Amino acid sequence: MYKSSRMNTFHLTPANRTVVHVLAVVGFVALIGASMWLAAYSTRYVPAVVGRIGSAAVYLGSLFTPAEPSLSVISTPVASTTISFGDASSTLATTADPVTSKPVKSVVPTAGEKTNGTYQISGTASAQPAVLSGFADLVVNIDTIGYLATSSADSFVANTTVPNGNRPAVRFTIKNIGTNVTGSWRFSASIPTQTAYIYQSQPQQSLAPGDSISYTLGFDQANRGSEQTISVTANFDHTVTESNVNNNSTSAKITILGS
């Protein structure tokens, strides 16, 4: 029995071949165009974004103030006076003859020389009580808000509004109002940057009772707008045992027109 088989074969006509070639060329051109657009986008925008992230920084300055201020002492010696009694034998005469006795001479007292001196009393350990007791107590106070005119913390300008092109900044003081030394400690600052950021300081020097440090902290890449919050917290990691932790944080509002 003879059985025939049939195979279907797809043959492109000249017209179909032309359509396929046109579509291939169009797709290739579209792919090249997309690649060029992506390269241009990366060159224009990606470095700008990376540059903004890379340039963000915190500028910090500090000034330590010891508990004991300088003291001026004026010393005035007691006036010294020398009184001469003459010849002792004539003063203690044994005879009643008034002619042979000599009267005691009167002498006007002479004042001593007045001197002035200034003596510095530093906040060293020797000036502290011999034995400290109790606990330290760090308190934070925001002194003023403003901006940095340059990248230096010394260029601080007090103002509630930050002009465009300047870096927002805050001045604050952390003081030990407790009865014992703090030992090493740190602070943190929550600042309104474009990406949420909390600055954590390096370990700070130990503060004796009454010692304080004033800080100026500025930053880049701030969020624009009114009512932007800056907050500062001392001993955020709780490395110092304190008598009161309810005064460790404070905050302030600032208006940022640009940065």
C-alpha atoms as a PDB file:
ATOM      1  CA  MET A   1       0.000   0.000   0.000  1.00  0.00           C
ATOM      2  CA  TYR A   2       1.431   3.248  -1.045  1.00  0.00           C
ATOM      3  CA  LYS A   3       1.169   6.068   1.492  1.00  0.00           C
ATOM      4  CA  SER A   4       2.125   9.576   0.573  1.00  0.00           C
ATOM      5  CA  SER A   5       3.403  12.100   3.082  1.00  0.00           C
ATOM      6  CA  ARG A   6       3.136  15.850   2.820  1.00  0.00           C
ATOM      7  CA  MET A   7       5.506  18.371   4.429  1.00  0.00           C
ATOM      8  CA  ASN A   8       4.415  21.969   4.910  1.00  0.00           C
ATOM      9  CA  THR A   9       7.199  24.395   4.187  1.00  0.00           C
ATOM     10  CA  PHE A  10       6.993  28.144   4.822  1.00  0.00           C
ATOM     11  CA  HIS A  11       8.422  30.134   2.027  1.00  0.00           C
ATOM     12  CA  LEU A  12       9.002  33.896   2.226  1.00  0.00           C
ATOM     13  CA  THR A  13       7.853  35.774  -0.713  1.00  0.00           C
ATOM     14  CA  PRO A  14       9.911  38.759  -1.870  1.00  0.00           C
ATOM     15  CA  ALA A  15       7.356  41.094  -0.321  1.00  0.00           C
ATOM     16  CA  ASN A  16       7.573  39.350   3.054  1.00  0.00           C
ATOM     17  CA  ARG A  17      11.349  39.470   2.963  1.00  0.00           C
ATOM     18  CA  THR A  18      11.204  43.223   2.432  1.00  0.00           C
ATOM     19  CA  VAL A  19       8.898  43.700   5.452  1.00  0.00           C
ATOM     20  CA  VAL A  20      11.159  41.620   7.700  1.00  0.00           C
ATOM     21  CA  HIS A  21      14.233  43.555   6.645  1.00  0.00           C
ATOM     22  CA  VAL A  22      12.493  46.885   7.287  1.00  0.00           C
ATOM     23  CA  LEU A  23      11.354  45.793  10.761  1.00  0.00           C
ATOM     24  CA  ALA A  24      14.864  44.610  11.613  1.00  0.00           C
ATOM     25  CA  VAL A  25      16.372  47.918  10.572  1.00  0.00           C
ATOM     26  CA  VAL A  26      13.777  49.895  12.533  1.00  0.00           C
ATOM     27  CA  GLY A  27      14.392  47.781  15.662  1.00  0.00           C
ATOM     28  CA  PHE A  28      18.142  48.192  15.351  1.00  0.00           C
ATOM     29  CA  VAL A  29      17.825  51.960  14.965  1.00  0.00           C
ATOM     30  CA  ALA A  30      15.464  52.114  17.974  1.00  0.00           C
ATOM     31  CA  LEU A  31      17.923  50.100  20.066  1.00  0.00           C
ATOM     32  CA  ILE A  32      20.800  52.415  19.127  1.00  0.00           C
ATOM     33  CA  GLY A  33      18.660  55.466  19.974  1.00  0.00           C
ATOM     34  CA  ALA A  34      17.654  54.077  23.341  1.00  0.00           C
ATOM     35  CA  SER A  35      21.278  53.301  24.189  1.00  0.00           C
ATOM     36  CA  MET A  36      22.360  56.834  23.294  1.00  0.00           C
ATOM     37  CA  TRP A  37      19.541  58.350  25.379  1.00  0.00           C
ATOM     38  CA  LEU A  38      20.470  56.209  28.383  1.00  0.00           C
ATOM     39  CA  ALA A  39      24.105  57.212  28.078  1.00  0.00           C
ATOM     40  CA  ALA A  40      23.177  60.906  27.904  1.00  0.00           C
ATOM     41  CA  TYR A  41      20.864  60.577  30.912  1.00  0.00           C
ATOM     42  CA  SER A  42      23.568  58.877  32.960  1.00  0.00           C
ATOM     43  CA  THR A  43      26.124  61.500  32.034  1.00  0.00           C
ATOM     44  CA  ARG A  44      23.819  64.395  32.863  1.00  0.00           C
ATOM     45  CA  TYR A  45      21.915  63.299  35.942  1.00  0.00           C
ATOM     46  CA  VAL A  46      23.658  60.445  37.738  1.00  0.00           C
ATOM     47  CA  PRO A  47      26.892  62.371  38.533  1.00  0.00           C
ATOM     48  CA  ALA A  48      24.795  65.265  39.778  1.00  0.00           C
ATOM     49  CA  VAL A  49      22.909  63.037  42.200  1.00  0.00           C
ATOM     50  CA  VAL A  50      26.088  61.284  43.322  1.00  0.00           C
ATOM     51  CA  GLY A  51      27.791  64.665  43.662  1.00  0.00           C
ATOM     52  CA  ARG A  52      25.032  65.993  45.873  1.00  0.00           C
ATOM     53  CA  ILE A  53      25.207  62.933  48.098  1.00  0.00           C
ATOM     54  CA  GLY A  54      28.979  63.038  48.238  1.00  0.00           C
ATOM     55  CA  SER A  55      29.175  66.724  49.104  1.00  0.00           C
ATOM     56  CA  ALA A  56      26.836  66.494  52.089  1.00  0.00           C
ATOM     57  CA  ALA A  57      28.786  67.166  55.277  1.00  0.00           C
ATOM     58  CA  VAL A  58      28.505  68.294  58.888  1.00  0.00           C
ATOM     59  CA  TYR A  59      30.628  71.224  60.102  1.00  0.00           C
ATOM     60  CA  LEU A  60      31.332  71.268  63.842  1.00  0.00           C
ATOM     61  CA  GLY A  61      33.148  73.685  66.123  1.00  0.00           C
ATOM     62  CA  SER A  62      33.382  73.614  69.924  1.00  0.00           C
ATOM     63  CA  LEU A  63      34.597  75.695  72.868  1.00  0.00           C
ATOM     64  CA  PHE A  64      35.234  74.242  76.334  1.00  0.00           C
ATOM     65  CA  THR A  65      34.425  76.381  79.397  1.00  0.00           C
ATOM     66  CA  PRO A  66      35.690  75.212  82.811  1.00  0.00           C
ATOM     67  CA  ALA A  67      33.578  75.531  85.913  1.00  0.00           C
ATOM     68  CA  GLU A  68      35.955  77.963  87.677  1.00  0.00           C
ATOM     69  CA  PRO A  69      36.366  81.375  86.030  1.00  0.00           C
ATOM     70  CA  SER A  70      39.530  83.458  86.345  1.00  0.00           C
ATOM     71  CA  LEU A  71      39.739  85.396  89.626  1.00  0.00           C
ATOM     72  CA  SER A  72      41.512  88.718  90.177  1.00  0.00           C
ATOM     73  CA  VAL A  73      42.891  89.160  93.688  1.00  0.00           C
ATOM     74  CA  ILE A  74      44.187  92.518  94.982  1.00  0.00           C
ATOM     75  CA  SER A  75      46.586  92.134  97.867  1.00  0.00           C
ATOM     76  CA  THR A  76      47.308  95.027 100.244  1.00  0.00           C
ATOM     77  CA  PRO A  77      49.932  94.447 102.947  1.00  0.00           C
ATOM     78  CA  VAL A  78      49.280  95.795 106.458  1.00  0.00           C
ATOM     79  CA  ALA A  79      51.033  99.142 106.982  1.00  0.00           C
ATOM     80  CA  SER A  80      54.271  98.628 108.875  1.00  0.00           C
ATOM     81  CA  THR A  81      55.329 101.200 111.451  1.00  0.00           C
ATOM     82  CA  THR A  82      58.643 101.515 113.322  1.00  0.00           C
ATOM     83  CA  ILE A  83      58.624 103.429 116.599  1.00  0.00           C
ATOM     84  CA  SER A  84      61.904 104.479 118.186  1.00  0.00           C
ATOM     85  CA  PHE A  85      62.026 104.807 121.963  1.00  0.00           C
ATOM     86  CA  GLY A  86      65.471 106.413 122.173  1.00  0.00           C
ATOM     87  CA  ASP A  87      67.956 105.329 124.824  1.00  0.00           C
ATOM     88  CA  ALA A  88      66.420 102.730 127.101  1.00  0.00           C
ATOM     89  CA  SER A  89      68.506 103.852 130.085  1.00  0.00           C
ATOM     90  CA  SER A  90      67.109 107.382 129.864  1.00  0.00           C
ATOM     91  CA  THR A  91      63.525 106.143 129.443  1.00  0.00           C
ATOM     92  CA  LEU A  92      63.734 104.015 132.600  1.00  0.00           C
ATOM     93  CA  ALA A  93      65.365 106.635 134.866  1.00  0.00           C
ATOM     94  CA  THR A  94      65.782 105.692 138.554  1.00  0.00           C
ATOM     95  CA  THR A  95      66.178 109.228 139.778  1.00  0.00           C
ATOM     96  CA  ALA A  96      63.340 111.605 140.445  1.00  0.00           C
ATOM     97  CA  ASP A  97      65.283 114.543 139.043  1.00  0.00           C
ATOM     98  CA  PRO A  98      63.080 115.804 136.149  1.00  0.00           C
ATOM     99  CA  VAL A  99      66.111 117.473 134.491  1.00  0.00           C
ATOM    100  CA  THR A 100      67.880 114.182 133.748  1.00  0.00           C
ATOM    101  CA  SER A 101      64.806 112.377 132.250  1.00  0.00           C
ATOM    102  CA  LYS A 102      64.136 112.374 128.458  1.00  0.00           C
ATOM    103  CA  PRO A 103      60.608 112.369 126.979  1.00  0.00           C
ATOM    104  CA  VAL A 104      59.504 109.639 124.471  1.00  0.00           C
ATOM    105  CA  LYS A 105      59.516 110.880 120.875  1.00  0.00           C
ATOM    106  CA  SER A 106      56.240 110.593 118.925  1.00  0.00           C
ATOM    107  CA  VAL A 107      56.540 109.071 115.437  1.00  0.00           C
ATOM    108  CA  VAL A 108      53.921 109.296 112.633  1.00  0.00           C
ATOM    109  CA  PRO A 109      53.113 105.775 111.243  1.00  0.00           C
ATOM    110  CA  THR A 110      54.230 105.150 107.633  1.00  0.00           C
ATOM    111  CA  ALA A 111      51.868 103.120 105.338  1.00  0.00           C
ATOM    112  CA  GLY A 112      53.237 100.113 103.496  1.00  0.00           C
ATOM    113  CA  GLU A 113      53.284  99.797  99.694  1.00  0.00           C
ATOM    114  CA  LYS A 114      50.067  98.585  97.975  1.00  0.00           C
ATOM    115  CA  THR A 115      50.450  95.835  95.392  1.00  0.00           C
ATOM    116  CA  ASN A 116      48.007  94.324  92.887  1.00  0.00           C
ATOM    117  CA  GLY A 117      48.111  90.819  91.452  1.00  0.00           C
ATOM    118  CA  THR A 118      45.957  88.647  89.168  1.00  0.00           C
ATOM    119  CA  TYR A 119      45.978  84.898  89.682  1.00  0.00           C
ATOM    120  CA  GLN A 120      44.402  82.450  87.198  1.00  0.00           C
ATOM    121  CA  ILE A 121      42.392  79.650  88.738  1.00  0.00           C
ATOM    122  CA  SER A 122      41.959  76.955  86.075  1.00  0.00           C
ATOM    123  CA  GLY A 123      39.413  74.183  85.978  1.00  0.00           C
ATOM    124  CA  THR A 124      41.872  71.433  86.776  1.00  0.00           C
ATOM    125  CA  ALA A 125      41.255  68.426  88.941  1.00  0.00           C
ATOM    126  CA  SER A 126      43.145  70.027  91.809  1.00  0.00           C
ATOM    127  CA  ALA A 127      40.538  72.793  91.945  1.00  0.00           C
ATOM    128  CA  GLN A 128      37.741  70.265  92.384  1.00  0.00           C
ATOM    129  CA  PRO A 129      36.696  68.817  95.738  1.00  0.00           C
ATOM    130  CA  ALA A 130      38.975  66.013  96.896  1.00  0.00           C
ATOM    131  CA  VAL A 131      36.098  63.502  96.833  1.00  0.00           C
ATOM    132  CA  LEU A 132      33.197  63.667  94.356  1.00  0.00           C
ATOM    133  CA  SER A 133      29.960  61.851  94.980  1.00  0.00           C
ATOM    134  CA  GLY A 134      26.616  61.336  93.315  1.00  0.00           C
ATOM    135  CA  PHE A 135      26.113  61.389  89.551  1.00  0.00           C
ATOM    136  CA  ALA A 136      26.746  63.597  86.564  1.00  0.00           C
ATOM    137  CA  ASP A 137      23.828  65.380  84.894  1.00  0.00           C
ATOM    138  CA  LEU A 138      24.143  66.577  81.296  1.00  0.00           C
ATOM    139  CA  VAL A 139      21.736  69.292  80.188  1.00  0.00           C
ATOM    140  CA  VAL A 140      21.354  70.574  76.608  1.00  0.00           C
ATOM    141  CA  ASN A 141      20.388  74.108  75.653  1.00  0.00           C
ATOM    142  CA  ILE A 142      20.064  75.509  72.102  1.00  0.00           C
ATOM    143  CA  ASP A 143      21.496  79.022  72.255  1.00  0.00           C
ATOM    144  CA  THR A 144      20.570  80.230  68.764  1.00  0.00           C
ATOM    145  CA  ILE A 145      19.949  79.080  65.195  1.00  0.00           C
ATOM    146  CA  GLY A 146      21.277  80.517  61.952  1.00  0.00           C
ATOM    147  CA  TYR A 147      23.568  79.595  59.078  1.00  0.00           C
ATOM    148  CA  LEU A 148      27.210  79.343  58.035  1.00  0.00           C
ATOM    149  CA  ALA A 149      28.381  81.933  55.509  1.00  0.00           C
ATOM    150  CA  THR A 150      31.319  79.639  54.565  1.00  0.00           C
ATOM    151  CA  SER A 151      32.344  76.079  55.328  1.00  0.00           C
ATOM    152  CA  SER A 152      33.904  77.237  58.619  1.00  0.00           C
ATOM    153  CA  ALA A 153      31.974  77.005  61.892  1.00  0.00           C
ATOM    154  CA  ASP A 154      33.442  80.424  62.751  1.00  0.00           C
ATOM    155  CA  SER A 155      31.305  82.026  60.006  1.00  0.00           C
ATOM    156  CA  PHE A 156      28.072  81.477  61.966  1.00  0.00           C
ATOM    157  CA  VAL A 157      25.369  84.112  61.494  1.00  0.00           C
ATOM    158  CA  ALA A 158      22.376  84.112  63.865  1.00  0.00           C
ATOM    159  CA  ASN A 159      19.082  84.155  61.962  1.00  0.00           C
ATOM    160  CA  THR A 160      15.793  82.263  62.027  1.00  0.00           C
ATOM    161  CA  THR A 161      15.832  82.045  58.207  1.00  0.00           C
ATOM    162  CA  VAL A 162      18.591  80.466  56.123  1.00  0.00           C
ATOM    163  CA  PRO A 163      19.162  82.337  52.826  1.00  0.00           C
ATOM    164  CA  ASN A 164      19.518  80.397  49.600  1.00  0.00           C
ATOM    165  CA  GLY A 165      23.046  79.089  49.098  1.00  0.00           C
ATOM    166  CA  ASN A 166      23.977  78.925  52.794  1.00  0.00           C
ATOM    167  CA  ARG A 167      24.317  76.059  55.244  1.00  0.00           C
ATOM    168  CA  PRO A 168      21.815  75.835  58.130  1.00  0.00           C
ATOM    169  CA  ALA A 169      23.485  75.806  61.553  1.00  0.00           C
ATOM    170  CA  VAL A 170      22.718  75.706  65.255  1.00  0.00           C
ATOM    171  CA  ARG A 171      24.640  76.779  68.344  1.00  0.00           C
ATOM    172  CA  PHE A 172      24.040  74.786  71.512  1.00  0.00           C
ATOM    173  CA  THR A 173      25.643  74.198  74.918  1.00  0.00           C
ATOM    174  CA  ILE A 174      25.971  70.967  76.860  1.00  0.00           C
ATOM    175  CA  LYS A 175      26.750  71.395  80.571  1.00  0.00           C
ATOM    176  CA  ASN A 176      27.300  69.067  83.496  1.00  0.00           C
ATOM    177  CA  ILE A 177      25.097  70.332  86.314  1.00  0.00           C
ATOM    178  CA  GLY A 178      25.528  67.180  88.374  1.00  0.00           C
ATOM    179  CA  THR A 179      27.828  66.415  91.287  1.00  0.00           C
ATOM    180  CA  ASN A 180      30.275  64.042  89.623  1.00  0.00           C
ATOM    181  CA  VAL A 181      32.443  63.843  86.498  1.00  0.00           C
ATOM    182  CA  THR A 182      30.939  62.455  83.301  1.00  0.00           C
ATOM    183  CA  GLY A 183      33.818  60.509  81.855  1.00  0.00           C
ATOM    184  CA  SER A 184      33.816  60.103  78.069  1.00  0.00           C
ATOM    185  CA  TRP A 185      30.436  60.801  76.455  1.00  0.00           C
ATOM    186  CA  ARG A 186      28.823  61.544  73.060  1.00  0.00           C
ATOM    187  CA  PHE A 187      25.953  63.537  71.607  1.00  0.00           C
ATOM    188  CA  SER A 188      23.747  63.212  68.531  1.00  0.00           C
ATOM    189  CA  ALA A 189      21.985  65.753  66.326  1.00  0.00           C
ATOM    190  CA  SER A 190      18.956  65.073  64.129  1.00  0.00           C
ATOM    191  CA  ILE A 191      19.211  67.457  61.174  1.00  0.00           C
ATOM    192  CA  PRO A 192      16.721  68.056  58.319  1.00  0.00           C
ATOM    193  CA  THR A 193      18.748  66.792  55.376  1.00  0.00           C
ATOM    194  CA  GLN A 194      17.330  65.548  52.060  1.00  0.00           C
ATOM    195  CA  THR A 195      17.962  62.002  53.228  1.00  0.00           C
ATOM    196  CA  ALA A 196      17.095  61.400  56.886  1.00  0.00           C
ATOM    197  CA  TYR A 197      20.317  61.675  58.876  1.00  0.00           C
ATOM    198  CA  ILE A 198      21.339  61.672  62.536  1.00  0.00           C
ATOM    199  CA  TYR A 199      24.843  62.923  63.283  1.00  0.00           C
ATOM    200  CA  GLN A 200      26.636  61.060  66.082  1.00  0.00           C
ATOM    201  CA  SER A 201      29.680  62.758  67.573  1.00  0.00           C
ATOM    202  CA  GLN A 202      33.031  61.294  68.456  1.00  0.00           C
ATOM    203  CA  PRO A 203      33.690  60.735  72.201  1.00  0.00           C
ATOM    204  CA  GLN A 204      33.858  64.072  74.013  1.00  0.00           C
ATOM    205  CA  GLN A 205      36.111  65.072  76.896  1.00  0.00           C
ATOM    206  CA  SER A 206      35.029  64.424  80.455  1.00  0.00           C
ATOM    207  CA  LEU A 207      33.148  67.265  82.125  1.00  0.00           C
ATOM    208  CA  ALA A 208      33.584  68.040  85.822  1.00  0.00           C
ATOM    209  CA  PRO A 209      30.640  69.532  87.733  1.00  0.00           C
ATOM    210  CA  GLY A 210      29.943  72.961  86.267  1.00  0.00           C
ATOM    211  CA  ASP A 211      32.005  72.413  83.083  1.00  0.00           C
ATOM    212  CA  SER A 212      30.358  73.018  79.704  1.00  0.00           C
ATOM    213  CA  ILE A 213      31.085  72.905  75.967  1.00  0.00           C
ATOM    214  CA  SER A 214      29.496  75.215  73.387  1.00  0.00           C
ATOM    215  CA  TYR A 215      29.085  73.799  69.877  1.00  0.00           C
ATOM    216  CA  THR A 216      28.390  75.233  66.433  1.00  0.00           C
ATOM    217  CA  LEU A 217      27.016  72.638  64.015  1.00  0.00           C
ATOM    218  CA  GLY A 218      26.232  73.302  60.364  1.00  0.00           C
ATOM    219  CA  PHE A 219      25.265  70.960  57.535  1.00  0.00           C
ATOM    220  CA  ASP A 220      24.745  70.660  53.766  1.00  0.00           C
ATOM    221  CA  GLN A 221      21.887  69.296  51.641  1.00  0.00           C
ATOM    222  CA  ALA A 222      19.102  70.565  53.902  1.00  0.00           C
ATOM    223  CA  ASN A 223      15.392  70.232  53.243  1.00  0.00           C
ATOM    224  CA  ARG A 224      13.815  73.478  52.127  1.00  0.00           C
ATOM    225  CA  GLY A 225      10.780  74.872  53.878  1.00  0.00           C
ATOM    226  CA  SER A 226       9.567  76.392  57.124  1.00  0.00           C
ATOM    227  CA  GLU A 227       9.362  74.676  60.504  1.00  0.00           C
ATOM    228  CA  GLN A 228      12.330  72.416  59.837  1.00  0.00           C
ATOM    229  CA  THR A 229      13.344  70.744  63.117  1.00  0.00           C
ATOM    230  CA  ILE A 230      16.854  70.457  64.536  1.00  0.00           C
ATOM    231  CA  SER A 231      17.210  68.401  67.718  1.00  0.00           C
ATOM    232  CA  VAL A 232      20.213  67.627  69.924  1.00  0.00           C
ATOM    233  CA  THR A 233      20.586  64.808  72.461  1.00  0.00           C
ATOM    234  CA  ALA A 234      23.422  64.371  74.947  1.00  0.00           C
ATOM    235  CA  ASN A 235      24.474  60.902  76.097  1.00  0.00           C
ATOM    236  CA  PHE A 236      22.237  59.285  73.451  1.00  0.00           C
ATOM    237  CA  ASP A 237      23.965  55.932  73.929  1.00  0.00           C
ATOM    238  CA  HIS A 238      23.562  56.052  77.746  1.00  0.00           C
ATOM    239  CA  THR A 239      27.238  55.464  78.509  1.00  0.00           C
ATOM    240  CA  VAL A 240      27.099  57.992  81.379  1.00  0.00           C
ATOM    241  CA  THR A 241      25.097  57.262  84.514  1.00  0.00           C
ATOM    242  CA  GLU A 242      23.087  60.420  85.206  1.00  0.00           C
ATOM    243  CA  SER A 243      20.888  61.644  88.020  1.00  0.00           C
ATOM    244  CA  ASN A 244      18.392  63.024  85.468  1.00  0.00           C
ATOM    245  CA  VAL A 245      17.960  62.047  81.804  1.00  0.00           C
ATOM    246  CA  ASN A 246      14.864  64.149  81.133  1.00  0.00           C
ATOM    247  CA  ASN A 247      16.967  67.213  80.271  1.00  0.00           C
ATOM    248  CA  ASN A 248      19.229  65.488  77.748  1.00  0.00           C
ATOM    249  CA  SER A 249      17.354  66.595  74.614  1.00  0.00           C
ATOM    250  CA  THR A 250      16.081  69.823  73.089  1.00  0.00           C
ATOM    251  CA  SER A 251      14.990  71.066  69.645  1.00  0.00           C
ATOM    252  CA  ALA A 252      14.385  74.219  67.607  1.00  0.00           C
ATOM    253  CA  LYS A 253      12.601  75.189  64.376  1.00  0.00           C
ATOM    254  CA  ILE A 254      14.256  76.927  61.429  1.00  0.00           C
ATOM    255  CA  THR A 255      13.160  78.166  57.997  1.00  0.00           C
ATOM    256  CA  ILE A 256      15.387  77.065  55.112  1.00  0.00           C
ATOM    257  CA  LEU A 257      15.077  78.898  51.793  1.00  0.00           C
ATOM    258  CA  GLY A 258      17.874  76.930  50.156  1.00  0.00           C
ATOM    259  CA  SER A 259      21.147  75.165  50.780  1.00  0.00           C
END
